[in-house]
PDB file of N, CA and C in Angstrom:
ATOM      1  N   UNK A   1       0.771  -1.373  -0.026  1.00  0.00           N
ATOM      2  CA  UNK A   1      -0.079   0.087   0.083  1.00  0.00           C
ATOM      3  C   UNK A   1       0.979   1.281  -0.056  1.00  0.00           C
ATOM      4  N   UNK A   2       0.669   2.100  -0.901  1.00  0.00           N
ATOM      5  CA  UNK A   2       1.148   3.253  -1.121  1.00  0.00           C
ATOM      6  C   UNK A   2       1.239   4.397   0.277  1.00  0.00           C
ATOM      7  N   UNK A   3       2.003   5.096   0.659  1.00  0.00           N
ATOM      8  CA  UNK A   3       1.854   6.112   1.801  1.00  0.00           C
ATOM      9  C   UNK A   3       1.333   7.344   1.138  1.00  0.00           C
ATOM     10  N   UNK A   4       0.514   7.921   1.987  1.00  0.00           N
ATOM     11  CA  UNK A   4      -0.190   9.130   1.600  1.00  0.00           C
ATOM     12  C   UNK A   4       0.967  10.234   1.682  1.00  0.00           C
ATOM     13  N   UNK A   5       0.681  11.036   0.906  1.00  0.00           N
ATOM     14  CA  UNK A   5       1.626  12.256   0.589  1.00  0.00           C
ATOM     15  C   UNK A   5       1.056  13.295   1.980  1.00  0.00           C
ATOM     16  N   UNK A   6       2.398  13.924   2.487  1.00  0.00           N
ATOM     17  CA  UNK A   6       1.954  14.790   3.862  1.00  0.00           C
ATOM     18  C   UNK A   6       1.251  16.072   2.810  1.00  0.00           C
ATOM     19  N   UNK A   7       0.652  16.973   3.947  1.00  0.00           N
ATOM     20  CA  UNK A   7       0.165  18.172   3.285  1.00  0.00           C
ATOM     21  C   UNK A   7       1.056  19.137   3.076  1.00  0.00           C
ATOM     22  N   UNK A   8       0.961  19.780   1.959  1.00  0.00           N
ATOM     23  CA  UNK A   8       2.068  20.503   1.393  1.00  0.00           C
ATOM     24  C   UNK A   8       2.213  21.750   2.312  1.00  0.00           C
ATOM     25  N   UNK A   9       3.362  22.056   2.877  1.00  0.00           N
ATOM     26  CA  UNK A   9       4.085  23.278   3.562  1.00  0.00           C
ATOM     27  C   UNK A   9       3.267  24.454   3.237  1.00  0.00           C
ATOM     28  N   UNK A  10       2.964  25.409   3.941  1.00  0.00           N
ATOM     29  CA  UNK A  10       2.569  26.840   3.326  1.00  0.00           C
ATOM     30  C   UNK A  10       3.600  27.581   2.500  1.00  0.00           C
ATOM     31  N   UNK A  11       5.027  27.296   3.048  1.00  0.00           N
ATOM     32  CA  UNK A  11       6.096  28.013   2.233  1.00  0.00           C
ATOM     33  C   UNK A  11       6.253  27.521   0.992  1.00  0.00           C
ATOM     34  N   UNK A  12       6.236  26.133   1.053  1.00  0.00           N
ATOM     35  CA  UNK A  12       6.437  25.328  -0.242  1.00  0.00           C
ATOM     36  C   UNK A  12       5.199  25.773  -1.375  1.00  0.00           C
ATOM     37  N   UNK A  13       4.052  25.850  -0.877  1.00  0.00           N
ATOM     38  CA  UNK A  13       2.900  26.250  -1.684  1.00  0.00           C
ATOM     39  C   UNK A  13       3.060  27.675  -2.276  1.00  0.00           C
ATOM     40  N   UNK A  14       3.671  28.530  -1.231  1.00  0.00           N
ATOM     41  CA  UNK A  14       3.895  29.959  -1.594  1.00  0.00           C
ATOM     42  C   UNK A  14       5.112  29.983  -2.729  1.00  0.00           C
ATOM     43  N   UNK A  15       5.952  29.223  -2.369  1.00  0.00           N
ATOM     44  CA  UNK A  15       7.192  29.350  -3.568  1.00  0.00           C
ATOM     45  C   UNK A  15       6.582  28.628  -4.998  1.00  0.00           C
ATOM     46  N   UNK A  16       5.798  27.640  -4.772  1.00  0.00           N
ATOM     47  CA  UNK A  16       5.252  27.261  -6.187  1.00  0.00           C
ATOM     48  C   UNK A  16       4.506  28.260  -7.023  1.00  0.00           C
ATOM     49  N   UNK A  17       3.663  28.852  -6.295  1.00  0.00           N
ATOM     50  CA  UNK A  17       2.905  30.074  -6.728  1.00  0.00           C
ATOM     51  C   UNK A  17       3.924  31.151  -7.096  1.00  0.00           C
ATOM     52  N   UNK A  18       5.003  31.576  -6.496  1.00  0.00           N
ATOM     53  CA  UNK A  18       5.698  32.628  -6.872  1.00  0.00           C
ATOM     54  C   UNK A  18       6.426  32.228  -7.949  1.00  0.00           C
ATOM     55  N   UNK A  19       7.291  31.187  -8.077  1.00  0.00           N
ATOM     56  CA  UNK A  19       7.660  30.487  -9.157  1.00  0.00           C
ATOM     57  C   UNK A  19       6.642  30.296 -10.298  1.00  0.00           C
ATOM     58  N   UNK A  20       5.669  30.178 -10.332  1.00  0.00           N
ATOM     59  CA  UNK A  20       4.648  29.907 -11.389  1.00  0.00           C
ATOM     60  C   UNK A  20       4.625  30.910 -12.131  1.00  0.00           C
ATOM     61  N   UNK A  21       4.218  32.349 -11.096  1.00  0.00           N
ATOM     62  CA  UNK A  21       3.979  33.527 -11.499  1.00  0.00           C
ATOM     63  C   UNK A  21       5.307  34.139 -12.464  1.00  0.00           C
ATOM     64  N   UNK A  22       6.482  33.884 -11.934  1.00  0.00           N
ATOM     65  CA  UNK A  22       7.822  34.342 -12.728  1.00  0.00           C
ATOM     66  C   UNK A  22       8.042  33.666 -13.921  1.00  0.00           C
ATOM     67  N   UNK A  23       7.641  32.309 -14.005  1.00  0.00           N
ATOM     68  CA  UNK A  23       7.657  31.812 -15.350  1.00  0.00           C
ATOM     69  C   UNK A  23       6.296  32.448 -16.239  1.00  0.00           C
ATOM     70  N   UNK A  24       5.454  32.545 -15.740  1.00  0.00           N
ATOM     71  CA  UNK A  24       4.302  33.350 -16.832  1.00  0.00           C
ATOM     72  C   UNK A  24       5.025  34.483 -16.967  1.00  0.00           C
ATOM     73  N   UNK A  25       5.797  35.528 -16.300  1.00  0.00           N
ATOM     74  CA  UNK A  25       6.224  36.809 -16.689  1.00  0.00           C
ATOM     75  C   UNK A  25       7.468  36.612 -17.823  1.00  0.00           C
ATOM     76  N   UNK A  26       8.145  35.516 -17.554  1.00  0.00           N
ATOM     77  CA  UNK A  26       9.196  35.434 -18.254  1.00  0.00           C
ATOM     78  C   UNK A  26       8.607  34.930 -19.793  1.00  0.00           C
ATOM     79  N   UNK A  27       7.651  34.121 -19.886  1.00  0.00           N
ATOM     80  CA  UNK A  27       7.082  33.437 -20.902  1.00  0.00           C
ATOM     81  C   UNK A  27       6.286  34.859 -21.754  1.00  0.00           C
ATOM     82  N   UNK A  28       5.712  35.776 -21.161  1.00  0.00           N
ATOM     83  CA  UNK A  28       5.099  36.978 -21.794  1.00  0.00           C
ATOM     84  C   UNK A  28       6.062  37.846 -22.137  1.00  0.00           C
ATOM     85  N   UNK A  29       7.154  38.036 -21.487  1.00  0.00           N
ATOM     86  CA  UNK A  29       8.282  39.156 -21.823  1.00  0.00           C
ATOM     87  C   UNK A  29       8.709  38.705 -23.323  1.00  0.00           C
ATOM     88  N   UNK A  30       8.869  37.340 -23.467  1.00  0.00           N
ATOM     89  CA  UNK A  30       9.351  36.923 -24.776  1.00  0.00           C
ATOM     90  C   UNK A  30       8.123  36.402 -25.676  1.00  0.00           C
ATOM     91  N   UNK A  31       7.011  36.972 -25.491  1.00  0.00           N
ATOM     92  CA  UNK A  31       5.833  36.741 -26.576  1.00  0.00           C
ATOM     93  C   UNK A  31       5.806  35.794 -26.882  1.00  0.00           C
ATOM     94  N   UNK A  32       5.636  34.607 -25.942  1.00  0.00           N
ATOM     95  CA  UNK A  32       5.575  33.296 -26.123  1.00  0.00           C
ATOM     96  C   UNK A  32       4.101  32.689 -25.664  1.00  0.00           C
ATOM     97  N   UNK A  33       3.518  31.778 -26.467  1.00  0.00           N
ATOM     98  CA  UNK A  33       2.293  31.172 -25.641  1.00  0.00           C
ATOM     99  C   UNK A  33       2.859  29.946 -24.914  1.00  0.00           C
ATOM    100  N   UNK A  34       1.695  29.471 -23.985  1.00  0.00           N
ATOM    101  CA  UNK A  34       2.173  28.176 -23.362  1.00  0.00           C
ATOM    102  C   UNK A  34       2.338  26.933 -24.034  1.00  0.00           C
ATOM    103  N   UNK A  35       1.772  27.000 -25.250  1.00  0.00           N
ATOM    104  CA  UNK A  35       1.948  25.902 -26.426  1.00  0.00           C
ATOM    105  C   UNK A  35       3.151  26.123 -27.008  1.00  0.00           C
ATOM    106  N   UNK A  36       3.775  27.269 -27.416  1.00  0.00           N
ATOM    107  CA  UNK A  36       5.054  27.484 -27.985  1.00  0.00           C
ATOM    108  C   UNK A  36       6.092  27.106 -26.730  1.00  0.00           C
ATOM    109  N   UNK A  37       6.143  27.340 -25.560  1.00  0.00           N
ATOM    110  CA  UNK A  37       6.907  26.925 -24.494  1.00  0.00           C
ATOM    111  C   UNK A  37       6.845  25.524 -24.397  1.00  0.00           C
ATOM    112  N   UNK A  38       5.769  24.854 -24.557  1.00  0.00           N
ATOM    113  CA  UNK A  38       5.454  23.270 -24.201  1.00  0.00           C
ATOM    114  C   UNK A  38       6.443  22.587 -25.514  1.00  0.00           C
ATOM    115  N   UNK A  39       6.099  23.152 -26.788  1.00  0.00           N
ATOM    116  CA  UNK A  39       6.849  22.369 -27.904  1.00  0.00           C
ATOM    117  C   UNK A  39       8.211  22.601 -27.556  1.00  0.00           C
ATOM    118  N   UNK A  40       8.751  23.672 -27.356  1.00  0.00           N
ATOM    119  CA  UNK A  40      10.156  23.831 -27.035  1.00  0.00           C
ATOM    120  C   UNK A  40      10.656  22.758 -26.175  1.00  0.00           C
ATOM    121  N   UNK A  41       9.680  22.754 -25.067  1.00  0.00           N
ATOM    122  CA  UNK A  41      10.506  22.103 -23.773  1.00  0.00           C
ATOM    123  C   UNK A  41      10.386  20.742 -24.082  1.00  0.00           C
ATOM    124  N   UNK A  42       9.328  20.023 -25.015  1.00  0.00           N
ATOM    125  CA  UNK A  42       8.940  18.820 -25.249  1.00  0.00           C
ATOM    126  C   UNK A  42       8.384  18.217 -24.116  1.00  0.00           C
ATOM    127  N   UNK A  43       7.389  19.143 -23.750  1.00  0.00           N
ATOM    128  CA  UNK A  43       6.236  18.533 -22.815  1.00  0.00           C
ATOM    129  C   UNK A  43       4.711  18.979 -23.139  1.00  0.00           C
ATOM    130  N   UNK A  44       3.855  18.575 -22.417  1.00  0.00           N
ATOM    131  CA  UNK A  44       2.548  19.114 -22.847  1.00  0.00           C
ATOM    132  C   UNK A  44       2.277  20.655 -22.357  1.00  0.00           C
ATOM    133  N   UNK A  45       1.004  21.046 -22.867  1.00  0.00           N
ATOM    134  CA  UNK A  45       0.939  22.588 -22.857  1.00  0.00           C
ATOM    135  C   UNK A  45       0.374  22.401 -21.076  1.00  0.00           C
ATOM    136  N   UNK A  46      -0.356  21.315 -20.671  1.00  0.00           N
ATOM    137  CA  UNK A  46      -0.824  21.039 -19.511  1.00  0.00           C
ATOM    138  C   UNK A  46       0.159  21.065 -18.587  1.00  0.00           C
ATOM    139  N   UNK A  47       1.284  20.574 -18.688  1.00  0.00           N
ATOM    140  CA  UNK A  47       2.301  20.796 -17.706  1.00  0.00           C
ATOM    141  C   UNK A  47       2.996  22.109 -17.503  1.00  0.00           C
ATOM    142  N   UNK A  48       2.989  23.272 -18.542  1.00  0.00           N
ATOM    143  CA  UNK A  48       3.453  24.181 -18.373  1.00  0.00           C
ATOM    144  C   UNK A  48       2.263  25.056 -17.836  1.00  0.00           C
ATOM    145  N   UNK A  49       0.999  24.727 -18.001  1.00  0.00           N
ATOM    146  CA  UNK A  49      -0.085  25.486 -17.221  1.00  0.00           C
ATOM    147  C   UNK A  49       0.189  25.032 -15.922  1.00  0.00           C
ATOM    148  N   UNK A  50       0.321  23.950 -15.429  1.00  0.00           N
ATOM    149  CA  UNK A  50       0.335  23.524 -14.096  1.00  0.00           C
ATOM    150  C   UNK A  50       1.197  24.088 -13.446  1.00  0.00           C
ATOM    151  N   UNK A  51       2.594  24.327 -13.705  1.00  0.00           N
ATOM    152  CA  UNK A  51       3.558  25.138 -13.297  1.00  0.00           C
ATOM    153  C   UNK A  51       3.113  26.504 -12.885  1.00  0.00           C
ATOM    154  N   UNK A  52       2.840  27.008 -13.966  1.00  0.00           N
ATOM    155  CA  UNK A  52       2.527  28.339 -14.115  1.00  0.00           C
ATOM    156  C   UNK A  52       1.126  28.850 -13.025  1.00  0.00           C
ATOM    157  N   UNK A  53       0.234  27.586 -12.802  1.00  0.00           N
ATOM    158  CA  UNK A  53      -0.660  27.997 -11.700  1.00  0.00           C
ATOM    159  C   UNK A  53      -0.166  27.645 -10.516  1.00  0.00           C
ATOM    160  N   UNK A  54       0.950  27.180 -10.296  1.00  0.00           N
ATOM    161  CA  UNK A  54       1.508  27.093  -8.907  1.00  0.00           C
ATOM    162  C   UNK A  54       1.352  25.401  -8.505  1.00  0.00           C
ATOM    163  N   UNK A  55       0.800  24.520  -9.529  1.00  0.00           N
ATOM    164  CA  UNK A  55       0.822  23.145  -9.151  1.00  0.00           C
ATOM    165  C   UNK A  55       2.285  22.875  -9.220  1.00  0.00           C
ATOM    166  N   UNK A  56       2.377  21.414  -8.454  1.00  0.00           N
ATOM    167  CA  UNK A  56       3.834  20.786  -8.480  1.00  0.00           C
ATOM    168  C   UNK A  56       3.799  20.074  -9.778  1.00  0.00           C
ATOM    169  N   UNK A  57       4.897  20.285 -10.417  1.00  0.00           N
ATOM    170  CA  UNK A  57       5.394  19.435 -11.665  1.00  0.00           C
ATOM    171  C   UNK A  57       6.924  18.919 -11.342  1.00  0.00           C
ATOM    172  N   UNK A  58       7.349  17.817 -12.253  1.00  0.00           N
ATOM    173  CA  UNK A  58       8.561  17.260 -11.893  1.00  0.00           C
ATOM    174  C   UNK A  58       9.499  18.373 -11.956  1.00  0.00           C
ATOM    175  N   UNK A  59      10.646  18.258 -11.241  1.00  0.00           N
ATOM    176  CA  UNK A  59      11.761  19.099 -11.440  1.00  0.00           C
ATOM    177  C   UNK A  59      12.370  18.704 -12.862  1.00  0.00           C
ATOM    178  N   UNK A  60      12.401  17.850 -13.517  1.00  0.00           N
ATOM    179  CA  UNK A  60      12.605  17.661 -15.195  1.00  0.00           C
ATOM    180  C   UNK A  60      11.760  18.612 -15.873  1.00  0.00           C
ATOM    181  N   UNK A  61      10.602  18.614 -15.620  1.00  0.00           N
ATOM    182  CA  UNK A  61       9.614  19.439 -16.433  1.00  0.00           C
ATOM    183  C   UNK A  61       9.853  20.957 -16.122  1.00  0.00           C
ATOM    184  N   UNK A  62      10.282  21.200 -14.903  1.00  0.00           N
ATOM    185  CA  UNK A  62      10.503  22.769 -14.427  1.00  0.00           C
ATOM    186  C   UNK A  62      11.937  23.079 -15.375  1.00  0.00           C
ATOM    187  N   UNK A  63      12.856  22.101 -15.290  1.00  0.00           N
ATOM    188  CA  UNK A  63      13.984  22.505 -15.943  1.00  0.00           C
ATOM    189  C   UNK A  63      13.942  22.669 -17.286  1.00  0.00           C
ATOM    190  N   UNK A  64      12.965  21.681 -17.959  1.00  0.00           N
ATOM    191  CA  UNK A  64      12.698  21.840 -19.350  1.00  0.00           C
ATOM    192  C   UNK A  64      12.197  23.247 -19.809  1.00  0.00           C
ATOM    193  N   UNK A  65      11.131  23.517 -18.831  1.00  0.00           N
ATOM    194  CA  UNK A  65      10.461  25.041 -19.324  1.00  0.00           C
ATOM    195  C   UNK A  65      11.408  26.028 -18.915  1.00  0.00           C
ATOM    196  N   UNK A  66      12.227  26.124 -17.908  1.00  0.00           N
ATOM    197  CA  UNK A  66      13.284  26.942 -17.539  1.00  0.00           C
ATOM    198  C   UNK A  66      14.315  27.036 -19.011  1.00  0.00           C
ATOM    199  N   UNK A  67      14.554  26.093 -19.543  1.00  0.00           N
ATOM    200  CA  UNK A  67      15.526  25.899 -20.593  1.00  0.00           C
ATOM    201  C   UNK A  67      14.794  26.622 -21.704  1.00  0.00           C
ATOM    202  N   UNK A  68      13.704  26.161 -22.115  1.00  0.00           N
ATOM    203  CA  UNK A  68      12.946  26.714 -23.074  1.00  0.00           C
ATOM    204  C   UNK A  68      12.856  28.356 -23.006  1.00  0.00           C
ATOM    205  N   UNK A  69      12.917  28.937 -21.830  1.00  0.00           N
ATOM    206  CA  UNK A  69      12.723  30.110 -21.716  1.00  0.00           C
ATOM    207  C   UNK A  69      14.039  31.033 -21.452  1.00  0.00           C
ATOM    208  N   UNK A  70      15.029  29.992 -21.359  1.00  0.00           N
ATOM    209  CA  UNK A  70      16.343  30.795 -21.328  1.00  0.00           C
ATOM    210  C   UNK A  70      16.752  31.074 -20.008  1.00  0.00           C
ATOM    211  N   UNK A  71      16.238  30.581 -18.677  1.00  0.00           N
ATOM    212  CA  UNK A  71      16.630  30.891 -17.461  1.00  0.00           C
ATOM    213  C   UNK A  71      17.201  29.735 -16.895  1.00  0.00           C
ATOM    214  N   UNK A  72      17.339  28.647 -17.466  1.00  0.00           N
ATOM    215  CA  UNK A  72      17.633  27.424 -16.610  1.00  0.00           C
ATOM    216  C   UNK A  72      19.010  27.738 -15.980  1.00  0.00           C
ATOM    217  N   UNK A  73      20.247  28.429 -16.725  1.00  0.00           N
ATOM    218  CA  UNK A  73      21.413  28.639 -15.876  1.00  0.00           C
ATOM    219  C   UNK A  73      21.178  29.468 -14.750  1.00  0.00           C
ATOM    220  N   UNK A  74      20.145  30.315 -14.659  1.00  0.00           N
ATOM    221  CA  UNK A  74      20.040  31.283 -13.224  1.00  0.00           C
ATOM    222  C   UNK A  74      19.563  30.326 -12.452  1.00  0.00           C
ATOM    223  N   UNK A  75      18.419  29.359 -12.719  1.00  0.00           N
ATOM    224  CA  UNK A  75      17.782  28.646 -11.571  1.00  0.00           C
ATOM    225  C   UNK A  75      18.981  27.554 -11.179  1.00  0.00           C
ATOM    226  N   UNK A  76      19.615  26.845 -12.103  1.00  0.00           N
ATOM    227  CA  UNK A  76      20.817  26.053 -11.647  1.00  0.00           C
ATOM    228  C   UNK A  76      21.870  26.899 -10.600  1.00  0.00           C
ATOM    229  N   UNK A  77      22.316  28.036 -10.871  1.00  0.00           N
ATOM    230  CA  UNK A  77      23.245  28.753 -10.385  1.00  0.00           C
ATOM    231  C   UNK A  77      22.385  29.349  -8.942  1.00  0.00           C
ATOM    232  N   UNK A  78      21.018  29.550  -8.878  1.00  0.00           N
ATOM    233  CA  UNK A  78      20.624  29.751  -7.485  1.00  0.00           C
ATOM    234  C   UNK A  78      20.783  28.559  -6.453  1.00  0.00           C
ATOM    235  N   UNK A  79      21.189  27.572  -6.948  1.00  0.00           N
ATOM    236  CA  UNK A  79      20.872  26.524  -5.640  1.00  0.00           C
ATOM    237  C   UNK A  79      22.383  25.973  -5.709  1.00  0.00           C
ATOM    238  N   UNK A  80      23.655  26.751  -6.335  1.00  0.00           N
ATOM    239  CA  UNK A  80      24.700  26.688  -5.848  1.00  0.00           C
ATOM    240  C   UNK A  80      25.162  26.564  -4.421  1.00  0.00           C
ATOM    241  N   UNK A  81      25.516  25.647  -3.767  1.00  0.00           N
ATOM    242  CA  UNK A  81      25.945  25.883  -2.521  1.00  0.00           C
ATOM    243  C   UNK A  81      27.166  26.790  -2.268  1.00  0.00           C
ATOM    244  N   UNK A  82      28.275  26.886  -3.115  1.00  0.00           N
ATOM    245  CA  UNK A  82      29.240  27.667  -2.703  1.00  0.00           C
ATOM    246  C   UNK A  82      28.775  29.307  -2.966  1.00  0.00           C
ATOM    247  N   UNK A  83      27.494  29.556  -3.643  1.00  0.00           N
ATOM    248  CA  UNK A  83      27.519  30.971  -3.471  1.00  0.00           C
ATOM    249  C   UNK A  83      26.779  31.628  -2.287  1.00  0.00           C
ATOM    250  N   UNK A  84      26.755  30.577  -1.389  1.00  0.00           N
ATOM    251  CA  UNK A  84      26.416  31.112   0.023  1.00  0.00           C
ATOM    252  C   UNK A  84      27.478  31.383   0.950  1.00  0.00           C
ATOM    253  N   UNK A  85      27.126  32.093   1.928  1.00  0.00           N
ATOM    254  CA  UNK A  85      28.041  32.234   2.940  1.00  0.00           C
ATOM    255  C   UNK A  85      28.505  31.140   3.841  1.00  0.00           C
ATOM    256  N   UNK A  86      27.704  30.079   4.001  1.00  0.00           N
ATOM    257  CA  UNK A  86      27.890  28.833   4.551  1.00  0.00           C
ATOM    258  C   UNK A  86      28.674  28.012   3.604  1.00  0.00           C
ATOM    259  N   UNK A  87      28.374  27.967   2.483  1.00  0.00           N
ATOM    260  CA  UNK A  87      29.130  27.415   1.366  1.00  0.00           C
ATOM    261  C   UNK A  87      30.301  27.661   1.240  1.00  0.00           C
ATOM    262  N   UNK A  88      30.702  29.046   1.186  1.00  0.00           N
ATOM    263  CA  UNK A  88      32.125  29.615   0.934  1.00  0.00           C
ATOM    264  C   UNK A  88      33.014  29.146   2.419  1.00  0.00           C
ATOM    265  N   UNK A  89      32.231  29.486   3.433  1.00  0.00           N
ATOM    266  CA  UNK A  89      33.201  29.132   4.831  1.00  0.00           C
ATOM    267  C   UNK A  89      33.547  27.879   4.769  1.00  0.00           C
ATOM    268  N   UNK A  90      32.768  26.864   4.483  1.00  0.00           N
ATOM    269  CA  UNK A  90      33.100  25.284   4.512  1.00  0.00           C
ATOM    270  C   UNK A  90      33.620  24.844   3.129  1.00  0.00           C
ATOM    271  N   UNK A  91      34.203  25.592   2.210  1.00  0.00           N
ATOM    272  CA  UNK A  91      34.474  25.113   0.887  1.00  0.00           C
ATOM    273  C   UNK A  91      35.656  24.320   1.155  1.00  0.00           C
ATOM    274  N   UNK A  92      36.673  24.604   1.910  1.00  0.00           N
ATOM    275  CA  UNK A  92      37.837  23.752   2.069  1.00  0.00           C
ATOM    276  C   UNK A  92      37.848  22.525   3.077  1.00  0.00           C
ATOM    277  N   UNK A  93      36.613  22.334   3.698  1.00  0.00           N
ATOM    278  CA  UNK A  93      36.399  21.169   4.162  1.00  0.00           C
ATOM    279  C   UNK A  93      35.842  20.184   3.515  1.00  0.00           C
ATOM    280  N   UNK A  94      36.504  18.753   3.705  1.00  0.00           N
ATOM    281  CA  UNK A  94      36.128  17.493   2.962  1.00  0.00           C
ATOM    282  C   UNK A  94      34.737  17.068   3.140  1.00  0.00           C
ATOM    283  N   UNK A  95      34.012  17.299   2.055  1.00  0.00           N
ATOM    284  CA  UNK A  95      32.492  16.776   2.403  1.00  0.00           C
ATOM    285  C   UNK A  95      32.361  15.244   2.313  1.00  0.00           C
ATOM    286  N   UNK A  96      31.348  14.897   3.153  1.00  0.00           N
ATOM    287  CA  UNK A  96      31.459  13.429   3.478  1.00  0.00           C
ATOM    288  C   UNK A  96      30.698  12.940   2.103  1.00  0.00           C
ATOM    289  N   UNK A  97      30.878  11.660   1.817  1.00  0.00           N
ATOM    290  CA  UNK A  97      30.379  11.000   0.702  1.00  0.00           C
ATOM    291  C   UNK A  97      28.978  10.921   0.959  1.00  0.00           C
ATOM    292  N   UNK A  98      28.609  10.520   2.241  1.00  0.00           N
ATOM    293  CA  UNK A  98      27.216  10.159   2.407  1.00  0.00           C
ATOM    294  C   UNK A  98      26.976  10.630   3.736  1.00  0.00           C
ATOM    295  N   UNK A  99      25.751  11.362   4.100  1.00  0.00           N
ATOM    296  CA  UNK A  99      25.425  11.749   5.512  1.00  0.00           C
ATOM    297  C   UNK A  99      24.670  10.893   6.076  1.00  0.00           C
ATOM    298  N   UNK A 100      24.798  10.409   7.309  1.00  0.00           N
ATOM    299  CA  UNK A 100      23.880   9.513   8.110  1.00  0.00           C
ATOM    300  C   UNK A 100      23.183  10.326   9.008  1.00  0.00           C
ATOM    301  N   UNK A 101      21.851   9.988   9.401  1.00  0.00           N
ATOM    302  CA  UNK A 101      21.171  10.709  10.649  1.00  0.00           C
ATOM    303  C   UNK A 101      21.955  10.444  11.957  1.00  0.00           C
ATOM    304  N   UNK A 102      22.042  11.657  12.867  1.00  0.00           N
ATOM    305  CA  UNK A 102      22.714  11.463  13.769  1.00  0.00           C
ATOM    306  C   UNK A 102      22.169  10.743  14.939  1.00  0.00           C
ATOM    307  N   UNK A 103      22.849   9.921  15.670  1.00  0.00           N
ATOM    308  CA  UNK A 103      21.848   8.992  16.659  1.00  0.00           C
ATOM    309  C   UNK A 103      21.748   9.840  17.738  1.00  0.00           C
ATOM    310  N   UNK A 104      20.446   9.580  18.344  1.00  0.00           N
ATOM    311  CA  UNK A 104      19.913  10.497  19.475  1.00  0.00           C
ATOM    312  C   UNK A 104      20.320   9.414  20.693  1.00  0.00           C
ATOM    313  N   UNK A 105      20.794   9.978  21.560  1.00  0.00           N
ATOM    314  CA  UNK A 105      20.898   9.301  22.968  1.00  0.00           C
ATOM    315  C   UNK A 105      19.752   9.333  23.799  1.00  0.00           C
ATOM    316  N   UNK A 106      19.541   8.514  24.800  1.00  0.00           N
ATOM    317  CA  UNK A 106      18.386   8.668  25.609  1.00  0.00           C
ATOM    318  C   UNK A 106      18.266   9.913  26.612  1.00  0.00           C
ATOM    319  N   UNK A 107      19.403  10.522  26.692  1.00  0.00           N
ATOM    320  CA  UNK A 107      19.508  11.755  27.461  1.00  0.00           C
ATOM    321  C   UNK A 107      18.827  12.739  26.552  1.00  0.00           C
ATOM    322  N   UNK A 108      19.135  12.716  25.250  1.00  0.00           N
ATOM    323  CA  UNK A 108      18.806  13.746  24.289  1.00  0.00           C
ATOM    324  C   UNK A 108      17.090  13.641  24.073  1.00  0.00           C
ATOM    325  N   UNK A 109      16.694  12.441  24.127  1.00  0.00           N
ATOM    326  CA  UNK A 109      15.354  12.337  23.798  1.00  0.00           C
ATOM    327  C   UNK A 109      14.212  12.692  24.799  1.00  0.00           C
ATOM    328  N   UNK A 110      14.837  12.626  26.064  1.00  0.00           N
ATOM    329  CA  UNK A 110      14.089  13.007  27.146  1.00  0.00           C
ATOM    330  C   UNK A 110      13.990  14.640  27.139  1.00  0.00           C
ATOM    331  N   UNK A 111      12.913  15.315  27.311  1.00  0.00           N
ATOM    332  CA  UNK A 111      12.738  16.575  27.101  1.00  0.00           C
ATOM    333  C   UNK A 111      11.697  17.052  27.416  1.00  0.00           C
TER     334      UNK A 111
END
């Protein structure tokens, strides 16, 4: 039996709406229809419309649309960890190959 998805956190829902709005603006600035963007991205018009309306679509579809609008590089750069203060401060540290959850002792779990 499949697990039910947890409710969408408000900040995530707000970000989806904001990103969708930004994609609409990019499309309109370039004088493109949703159909044209979909054709360039190799996806359906419905997928473009879902992203623009703030519904969740796959990361792949989001990147396809961003590429079709010429903003994929900006989107990828936005999540570069080394463009942040924390990333730059820790740049010289050796990153672990895998991160395991910290073990919580009995003392830590009493609270």
